[in-house]
């Protein structure tokens, strides 16, 4: 029986709250806080049990500390913006409470995300006797656990790792993003980067692609190589990896809209003057685009996210693919969300459960793959993200 404070009230937060509310034996009390409390109340109204809501500015450490001290949660679940990770971590340290997030810190004024800022908190959390679990979403998150699970049960060494993320869903709108538009577009328009033979190799945005044949009747889809933060922690914690890459699918329609918006400057993050005031083009575009939380009833189809690993076991070559398939409409029926938010929100709940049950609790700042993957993998099957692991032909993905 534990109390959690959930910060943020977007699409992922809605899933986290729903899933926590389904387990009163673990999450006996839930407080949901956001800059706009009305959004919290709207989520609370969907539940079949009461929760408490509050208003807080996640950029303001004193406000956060005051709320944490007033509510005295056992854990803070951060599903606010990545820009706010450090302020929430600072508040958790000051108030003496454990911390969890789903995506690593990203400076507001630079489209760059890496773990250095949060890893720098290792000694602070360790000395305070507090746990900080980083990236407890799907990718990062489940993909990290998948890799640890494959290493534990199927490989002596993983040499090649490809993380593959397919959204084969269709919301029927001309252009929309499946999670926060600002974060999504910053991520997609950044240079690609992959790990090979001990160093990072950079590529122009979405310049490398190939076709991958997905399971569950999704079929062949073009996948584009990008940079994603879990690569950084995985090559650190599995140093035998010779090459690690991240791939994602995009429709031709999405890419064409993104190209046009980029050409006219709407994806820029540098402020421009408009009618006597500064605006950030991408933030203005975000205001025009559909709220990802509104896509739930519209989206049909499936997602497939997994890890394609190649290496050796007992001196013999091995290739395995571990993956989940998630149906958008089934997610909406359960928690009023499309599958992108669902696949991030469920792992956040499970990561919180791991901490609160003491299975993944130790002082310091940790990535998901640094813990025993087995209890987390067991809970994925129990709470909505069942997985499969199959032997595969290494030629299914190009080297």
Protein backbone atom coordinates (compact mmCIF):
# COMPACT_ATOMS: atom_id res chain seq x y z
CA UNK A 1 0.00 0.00 0.00
CA UNK A 2 1.64 3.22 -1.15
CA UNK A 3 0.90 6.77 -2.18
CA UNK A 4 2.12 8.19 -5.49
CA UNK A 5 2.25 11.72 -6.82
CA UNK A 6 1.91 11.82 -10.63
CA UNK A 7 3.05 15.06 -12.27
CA UNK A 8 1.72 15.87 -15.74
CA UNK A 9 -1.72 15.54 -17.32
CA UNK A 10 -1.15 14.61 -20.97
CA UNK A 11 -1.98 11.43 -22.85
CA UNK A 12 0.64 9.28 -21.12
CA UNK A 13 -0.39 10.56 -17.70
CA UNK A 14 -3.97 9.49 -18.36
CA UNK A 15 -2.78 5.93 -18.96
CA UNK A 16 -0.53 5.92 -15.89
CA UNK A 17 -3.38 7.12 -13.69
CA UNK A 18 -5.81 4.55 -15.10
CA UNK A 19 -3.35 1.68 -14.65
CA UNK A 20 -2.36 2.74 -11.12
CA UNK A 21 -6.03 3.07 -10.21
CA UNK A 22 -6.56 -0.55 -11.33
CA UNK A 23 -4.15 -1.74 -8.61
CA UNK A 24 -5.36 -0.30 -5.29
CA UNK A 25 -3.41 -3.00 -3.44
CA UNK A 26 -0.20 -1.30 -4.68
CA UNK A 27 -1.31 2.29 -5.31
CA UNK A 28 -3.58 2.94 -2.35
CA UNK A 29 -3.52 6.73 -2.85
CA UNK A 30 -3.02 8.72 -6.04
CA UNK A 31 -2.43 12.45 -6.38
CA UNK A 32 -2.40 13.92 -9.90
CA UNK A 33 -0.89 17.38 -10.37
CA UNK A 34 -0.31 19.62 -13.36
CA UNK A 35 0.04 23.27 -14.27
CA UNK A 36 -3.61 23.10 -15.39
CA UNK A 37 -5.61 21.33 -12.69
CA UNK A 38 -8.66 21.14 -14.95
CA UNK A 39 -6.82 18.56 -17.05
CA UNK A 40 -6.20 16.51 -13.90
CA UNK A 41 -9.85 16.69 -12.96
CA UNK A 42 -10.87 15.52 -16.46
CA UNK A 43 -8.68 12.42 -16.06
CA UNK A 44 -9.96 11.82 -12.54
CA UNK A 45 -13.55 11.90 -13.80
CA UNK A 46 -12.83 8.85 -16.00
CA UNK A 47 -11.91 6.63 -13.04
CA UNK A 48 -14.03 4.32 -10.93
CA UNK A 49 -12.20 5.30 -7.73
CA UNK A 50 -11.49 8.74 -6.26
CA UNK A 51 -8.09 10.40 -6.59
CA UNK A 52 -6.84 13.78 -5.46
CA UNK A 53 -5.83 16.54 -7.91
CA UNK A 54 -3.62 19.58 -7.46
CA UNK A 55 -2.07 22.49 -9.35
CA UNK A 56 1.71 22.78 -9.61
CA UNK A 57 4.27 24.43 -11.87
CA UNK A 58 6.80 21.68 -12.65
CA UNK A 59 9.41 24.34 -13.51
CA UNK A 60 9.22 25.72 -9.97
CA UNK A 61 11.21 23.72 -7.40
CA UNK A 62 9.76 25.45 -4.30
CA UNK A 63 6.21 24.77 -5.53
CA UNK A 64 7.08 21.13 -6.19
CA UNK A 65 8.71 20.73 -2.79
CA UNK A 66 5.71 22.31 -1.07
CA UNK A 67 3.34 19.90 -2.82
CA UNK A 68 5.51 16.86 -2.07
CA UNK A 69 5.85 17.85 1.57
CA UNK A 70 2.10 18.42 1.86
CA UNK A 71 1.14 15.09 0.25
CA UNK A 72 4.07 12.94 1.47
CA UNK A 73 4.02 10.42 -1.39
CA UNK A 74 6.23 7.34 -1.43
CA UNK A 75 7.15 8.00 -5.08
CA UNK A 76 6.93 10.81 -7.63
CA UNK A 77 6.07 9.69 -11.17
CA UNK A 78 7.20 12.34 -13.65
CA UNK A 79 5.17 12.30 -16.86
CA UNK A 80 5.54 16.03 -17.47
CA UNK A 81 7.86 17.42 -20.18
CA UNK A 82 11.50 16.24 -20.51
CA UNK A 83 12.56 19.87 -19.92
CA UNK A 84 11.27 19.50 -16.37
CA UNK A 85 13.14 16.35 -15.32
CA UNK A 86 15.86 18.18 -13.41
CA UNK A 87 13.55 20.49 -11.46
CA UNK A 88 11.44 17.49 -10.39
CA UNK A 89 14.58 15.53 -9.45
CA UNK A 90 15.79 18.53 -7.41
CA UNK A 91 12.44 18.67 -5.63
CA UNK A 92 12.51 14.94 -4.87
CA UNK A 93 15.99 15.29 -3.37
CA UNK A 94 14.94 18.23 -1.21
CA UNK A 95 11.74 16.52 -0.05
CA UNK A 96 13.32 13.05 0.33
CA UNK A 97 11.20 10.95 -2.04
CA UNK A 98 11.95 8.43 -4.81
CA UNK A 99 11.67 9.48 -8.47
CA UNK A 100 10.67 7.90 -11.80
CA UNK A 101 10.37 9.31 -15.33
CA UNK A 102 9.75 8.04 -18.87
CA UNK A 103 12.17 10.13 -20.96
CA UNK A 104 15.54 11.72 -20.31
CA UNK A 105 16.22 15.39 -19.79
CA UNK A 106 16.29 17.70 -22.80
CA UNK A 107 17.21 21.41 -22.60
CA UNK A 108 14.41 23.68 -23.77
CA UNK A 109 16.67 25.71 -26.06
CA UNK A 110 18.63 22.83 -27.63
CA UNK A 111 17.22 19.83 -29.50
CA UNK A 112 19.58 17.45 -27.75
CA UNK A 113 18.79 14.69 -25.33
CA UNK A 114 21.33 12.64 -23.42
CA UNK A 115 21.71 11.13 -19.96
CA UNK A 116 24.70 13.19 -18.78
CA UNK A 117 22.58 15.70 -16.85
CA UNK A 118 20.63 13.02 -14.98
CA UNK A 119 23.54 10.62 -14.48
CA UNK A 120 25.27 13.54 -12.72
CA UNK A 121 22.69 13.09 -9.92
CA UNK A 122 24.00 9.60 -9.05
CA UNK A 123 25.86 10.59 -5.89
CA UNK A 124 23.12 12.95 -4.73
CA UNK A 125 20.45 10.24 -4.83
CA UNK A 126 22.80 7.58 -3.45
CA UNK A 127 23.86 9.74 -0.52
CA UNK A 128 20.23 10.61 0.17
CA UNK A 129 19.24 6.93 0.16
CA UNK A 130 16.77 7.60 -2.68
CA UNK A 131 16.03 5.75 -5.92
CA UNK A 132 15.72 7.48 -9.30
CA UNK A 133 14.57 5.24 -12.16
CA UNK A 134 15.13 6.78 -15.59
CA UNK A 135 13.18 6.13 -18.78
CA UNK A 136 10.44 3.78 -17.60
CA UNK A 137 8.40 4.04 -20.80
CA UNK A 138 8.53 1.72 -23.79
CA UNK A 139 11.41 3.14 -25.81
CA UNK A 140 13.29 3.95 -23.67
CA UNK A 141 12.14 1.55 -21.00
CA UNK A 142 10.74 -1.75 -22.16
CA UNK A 143 13.35 -1.87 -24.93
CA UNK A 144 16.07 -1.62 -22.26
CA UNK A 145 14.44 -4.44 -20.29
CA UNK A 146 14.03 -6.51 -23.46
CA UNK A 147 17.76 -6.19 -24.10
CA UNK A 148 18.61 -7.22 -20.53
CA UNK A 149 16.19 -10.16 -20.79
CA UNK A 150 17.72 -11.37 -24.05
CA UNK A 151 21.22 -11.11 -22.58
CA UNK A 152 20.19 -13.00 -19.43
CA UNK A 153 18.36 -15.86 -21.15
CA UNK A 154 19.52 -16.16 -24.78
CA UNK A 155 23.00 -14.67 -25.23
CA UNK A 156 26.46 -14.79 -23.76
CA UNK A 157 27.19 -11.64 -25.75
CA UNK A 158 24.98 -9.34 -27.82
CA UNK A 159 26.99 -7.92 -30.71
CA UNK A 160 24.33 -6.18 -32.82
CA UNK A 161 21.18 -4.52 -31.50
CA UNK A 162 18.42 -2.94 -33.56
CA UNK A 163 15.46 -1.36 -31.75
CA UNK A 164 12.49 -1.15 -34.09
CA UNK A 165 9.36 0.95 -33.46
CA UNK A 166 6.39 0.65 -35.81
CA UNK A 167 3.13 2.54 -35.51
CA UNK A 168 0.86 1.06 -38.16
CA UNK A 169 -2.14 2.99 -36.82
CA UNK A 170 -4.18 5.53 -38.74
CA UNK A 171 -6.06 8.43 -37.12
CA UNK A 172 -7.49 9.73 -40.42
CA UNK A 173 -6.27 13.29 -39.88
CA UNK A 174 -4.09 15.18 -42.41
CA UNK A 175 -1.25 15.62 -39.89
CA UNK A 176 -0.94 14.88 -36.19
CA UNK A 177 1.67 13.50 -33.80
CA UNK A 178 1.00 10.57 -31.49
CA UNK A 179 2.71 12.18 -28.51
CA UNK A 180 3.63 15.74 -27.53
CA UNK A 181 4.08 17.51 -30.92
CA UNK A 182 6.98 19.65 -29.73
CA UNK A 183 8.97 16.69 -28.39
CA UNK A 184 8.02 14.48 -31.35
CA UNK A 185 9.10 16.94 -34.04
CA UNK A 186 12.33 17.91 -32.24
CA UNK A 187 13.20 14.22 -32.06
CA UNK A 188 12.38 13.38 -35.68
CA UNK A 189 14.13 16.40 -37.21
CA UNK A 190 17.38 15.82 -35.29
CA UNK A 191 20.37 14.12 -36.90
CA UNK A 192 20.43 10.35 -36.76
CA UNK A 193 23.13 8.71 -34.66
CA UNK A 194 24.14 5.11 -34.10
CA UNK A 195 26.88 3.28 -32.21
CA UNK A 196 29.49 1.31 -34.11
CA UNK A 197 32.82 -0.09 -32.97
CA UNK A 198 33.20 2.14 -29.95
CA UNK A 199 32.07 5.49 -31.34
CA UNK A 200 29.01 7.39 -32.50
CA UNK A 201 28.29 7.80 -36.22
CA UNK A 202 26.05 10.74 -37.21
CA UNK A 203 23.72 10.83 -40.22
CA UNK A 204 21.41 13.51 -41.68
CA UNK A 205 17.82 13.31 -40.35
CA UNK A 206 15.93 10.24 -41.66
CA UNK A 207 18.52 9.71 -44.41
CA UNK A 208 18.95 5.96 -43.80
CA UNK A 209 16.05 3.56 -44.30
CA UNK A 210 15.19 0.00 -45.16
CA UNK A 211 12.13 -2.27 -45.22
CA UNK A 212 11.32 -4.56 -42.28
CA UNK A 213 8.59 -7.22 -42.32
CA UNK A 214 6.61 -6.85 -39.09
CA UNK A 215 4.59 -9.64 -37.43
CA UNK A 216 0.88 -9.73 -36.53
CA UNK A 217 -0.21 -9.09 -40.13
CA UNK A 218 1.34 -5.62 -40.09
CA UNK A 219 3.68 -6.67 -42.89
CA UNK A 220 6.51 -4.83 -44.64
CA UNK A 221 7.07 -1.21 -43.58
CA UNK A 222 9.83 1.27 -44.31
CA UNK A 223 11.85 2.01 -41.18
CA UNK A 224 14.04 5.11 -40.74
CA UNK A 225 17.15 5.28 -38.59
CA UNK A 226 17.11 7.90 -35.83
CA UNK A 227 18.87 8.57 -32.57
CA UNK A 228 17.11 7.49 -29.39
CA UNK A 229 18.33 7.88 -25.84
CA UNK A 230 18.29 4.22 -24.80
CA UNK A 231 21.17 3.58 -27.19
CA UNK A 232 23.40 5.66 -24.93
CA UNK A 233 22.71 3.68 -21.78
CA UNK A 234 22.60 0.27 -23.48
CA UNK A 235 26.04 0.54 -25.06
CA UNK A 236 27.36 1.71 -21.68
CA UNK A 237 25.91 -1.18 -19.73
CA UNK A 238 26.46 -3.84 -22.43
CA UNK A 239 29.94 -2.88 -23.64
CA UNK A 240 30.23 -5.95 -25.88
CA UNK A 241 27.72 -4.40 -28.30
CA UNK A 242 29.52 -3.61 -31.55
CA UNK A 243 26.64 -1.78 -33.20
CA UNK A 244 23.37 -0.38 -31.87
CA UNK A 245 20.71 1.37 -33.95
CA UNK A 246 17.18 2.69 -33.52
CA UNK A 247 14.54 2.62 -36.26
CA UNK A 248 11.02 4.05 -36.54
CA UNK A 249 8.28 3.92 -39.18
CA UNK A 250 6.71 7.05 -40.69
CA UNK A 251 4.04 7.34 -43.33
CA UNK A 252 4.84 9.18 -46.56
CA UNK A 253 2.07 11.64 -45.63
CA UNK A 254 3.69 12.42 -42.26
CA UNK A 255 7.10 12.94 -43.83
CA UNK A 256 5.76 15.21 -46.58
CA UNK A 257 3.95 17.43 -44.07
CA UNK A 258 7.06 17.53 -41.90
CA UNK A 259 9.21 18.49 -44.89
CA UNK A 260 6.93 21.35 -45.87
CA UNK A 261 6.64 22.63 -42.30
CA UNK A 262 10.43 22.52 -42.00
CA UNK A 263 10.89 24.35 -45.28
CA UNK A 264 8.74 27.25 -44.12
CA UNK A 265 10.40 27.42 -40.70
CA UNK A 266 7.55 26.08 -38.57
CA UNK A 267 9.67 23.40 -36.90
CA UNK A 268 12.28 25.89 -35.65
CA UNK A 269 13.03 26.23 -31.94
CA UNK A 270 14.72 29.64 -32.09
CA UNK A 271 12.42 32.56 -31.13
CA UNK A 272 11.27 34.91 -33.90
CA UNK A 273 9.59 38.31 -33.64
CA UNK A 274 5.90 38.40 -34.55
CA UNK A 275 3.82 41.53 -34.10
CA UNK A 276 6.13 42.91 -31.45
CA UNK A 277 6.59 39.75 -29.39
CA UNK A 278 8.81 36.68 -29.49
CA UNK A 279 7.31 33.33 -30.40
CA UNK A 280 8.93 29.93 -30.94
CA UNK A 281 7.62 28.53 -34.27
CA UNK A 282 7.48 24.93 -33.05
CA UNK A 283 5.56 25.92 -29.92
CA UNK A 284 3.08 27.83 -32.08
CA UNK A 285 2.73 24.79 -34.36
CA UNK A 286 2.08 22.64 -31.30
CA UNK A 287 -0.86 24.90 -30.43
CA UNK A 288 -2.34 24.35 -33.90
CA UNK A 289 -1.97 20.57 -34.03
CA UNK A 290 -4.43 18.09 -32.50
CA UNK A 291 -3.82 17.18 -28.87
CA UNK A 292 -2.43 13.60 -28.92
CA UNK A 293 -4.84 12.75 -26.11
CA UNK A 294 -7.70 13.43 -28.54
CA UNK A 295 -6.55 10.78 -31.03
CA UNK A 296 -7.71 7.79 -28.99
CA UNK A 297 -11.22 7.39 -30.45
CA UNK A 298 -9.92 8.05 -33.98
CA UNK A 299 -6.93 5.73 -34.25
CA UNK A 300 -7.20 2.23 -35.68
CA UNK A 301 -4.50 -0.35 -36.28
CA UNK A 302 -1.55 -1.69 -34.33
CA UNK A 303 1.89 -0.87 -33.03
CA UNK A 304 4.86 -3.23 -32.90
CA UNK A 305 7.97 -2.35 -30.91
CA UNK A 306 10.85 -4.70 -30.26
CA UNK A 307 14.54 -5.52 -30.07
CA UNK A 308 16.30 -7.47 -32.81
CA UNK A 309 19.53 -8.83 -31.34
CA UNK A 310 22.39 -10.82 -32.81
CA UNK A 311 25.28 -12.37 -30.92
CA UNK A 312 26.63 -15.64 -29.57
CA UNK A 313 25.55 -18.32 -27.11
CA UNK A 314 27.88 -21.19 -26.23
CA UNK A 315 30.10 -20.13 -29.11
CA UNK A 316 27.30 -20.34 -31.69
CA UNK A 317 25.63 -17.43 -33.53
CA UNK A 318 22.16 -16.49 -32.29
CA UNK A 319 19.56 -14.00 -33.59
CA UNK A 320 16.41 -13.23 -31.56
CA UNK A 321 13.52 -10.79 -31.82
CA UNK A 322 11.49 -9.86 -28.74
CA UNK A 323 8.48 -7.63 -29.33
CA UNK A 324 5.03 -6.45 -28.33
CA UNK A 325 2.03 -5.83 -30.56
CA UNK A 326 -0.57 -3.38 -29.26
CA UNK A 327 -3.98 -2.54 -30.74
CA UNK A 328 -5.04 1.12 -30.69
CA UNK A 329 -8.76 0.43 -30.30
CA UNK A 330 -8.27 -2.08 -27.50
CA UNK A 331 -6.25 0.53 -25.63
CA UNK A 332 -8.99 3.09 -26.06
CA UNK A 333 -11.63 0.69 -24.78
CA UNK A 334 -9.59 0.07 -21.64
CA UNK A 335 -8.16 3.48 -20.72
CA UNK A 336 -9.47 6.04 -23.26
CA UNK A 337 -6.08 6.25 -24.99
CA UNK A 338 -4.38 5.36 -28.25
CA UNK A 339 -1.57 2.78 -28.19
CA UNK A 340 1.35 5.23 -28.24
CA UNK A 341 0.37 6.67 -24.88
CA UNK A 342 -0.61 3.19 -23.63
CA UNK A 343 2.74 1.62 -24.45
CA UNK A 344 4.50 4.40 -22.50
CA UNK A 345 2.06 4.64 -19.59
CA UNK A 346 1.85 0.94 -18.72
CA UNK A 347 5.64 0.58 -18.23
CA UNK A 348 5.65 3.71 -16.08
CA UNK A 349 3.10 2.07 -13.79
CA UNK A 350 5.09 -1.20 -13.74
CA UNK A 351 8.35 0.62 -12.99
CA UNK A 352 6.62 2.39 -10.10
CA UNK A 353 5.29 -0.95 -8.89
CA UNK A 354 8.81 -2.43 -9.01
CA UNK A 355 10.12 0.39 -6.79
CA UNK A 356 7.22 0.34 -4.34
CA UNK A 357 7.42 -3.45 -3.94
CA UNK A 358 11.16 -3.22 -3.30
CA UNK A 359 12.11 -5.32 -6.33
CA UNK A 360 13.87 -2.46 -8.09
CA UNK A 361 14.82 -0.21 -5.20
CA UNK A 362 18.39 0.84 -4.43
CA UNK A 363 19.92 4.26 -3.77
CA UNK A 364 21.18 6.09 -6.83
CA UNK A 365 20.18 6.90 -10.41
CA UNK A 366 19.50 3.86 -12.59
CA UNK A 367 18.53 2.89 -16.11
CA UNK A 368 16.07 0.07 -16.62
CA UNK A 369 18.59 -2.51 -17.88
CA UNK A 370 20.56 -2.29 -14.63
CA UNK A 371 17.88 -4.28 -12.77
CA UNK A 372 16.75 -7.91 -13.02
CA UNK A 373 14.44 -7.95 -16.06
CA UNK A 374 12.38 -10.98 -15.07
CA UNK A 375 9.80 -9.43 -12.69
CA UNK A 376 9.21 -6.51 -15.06
CA UNK A 377 8.77 -8.88 -18.03
CA UNK A 378 6.30 -10.91 -15.98
CA UNK A 379 4.25 -7.79 -15.21
CA UNK A 380 4.22 -6.72 -18.88
CA UNK A 381 2.29 -9.91 -19.60
CA UNK A 382 -0.05 -9.31 -16.67
CA UNK A 383 -0.91 -5.66 -17.26
CA UNK A 384 -1.52 -5.18 -20.96
CA UNK A 385 1.74 -5.45 -22.94
CA UNK A 386 2.26 -9.17 -23.67
CA UNK A 387 5.47 -9.99 -25.51
CA UNK A 388 6.89 -12.74 -27.65
CA UNK A 389 10.48 -13.79 -28.26
CA UNK A 390 11.35 -15.71 -31.44
CA UNK A 391 14.46 -16.90 -33.22
CA UNK A 392 14.93 -14.99 -36.48
CA UNK A 393 16.99 -14.95 -39.64
CA UNK A 394 19.77 -12.35 -39.20
CA UNK A 395 19.22 -11.23 -42.82
CA UNK A 396 15.76 -9.89 -41.83
CA UNK A 397 17.51 -6.60 -41.10
CA UNK A 398 20.34 -5.13 -43.14
CA UNK A 399 23.74 -4.80 -41.55
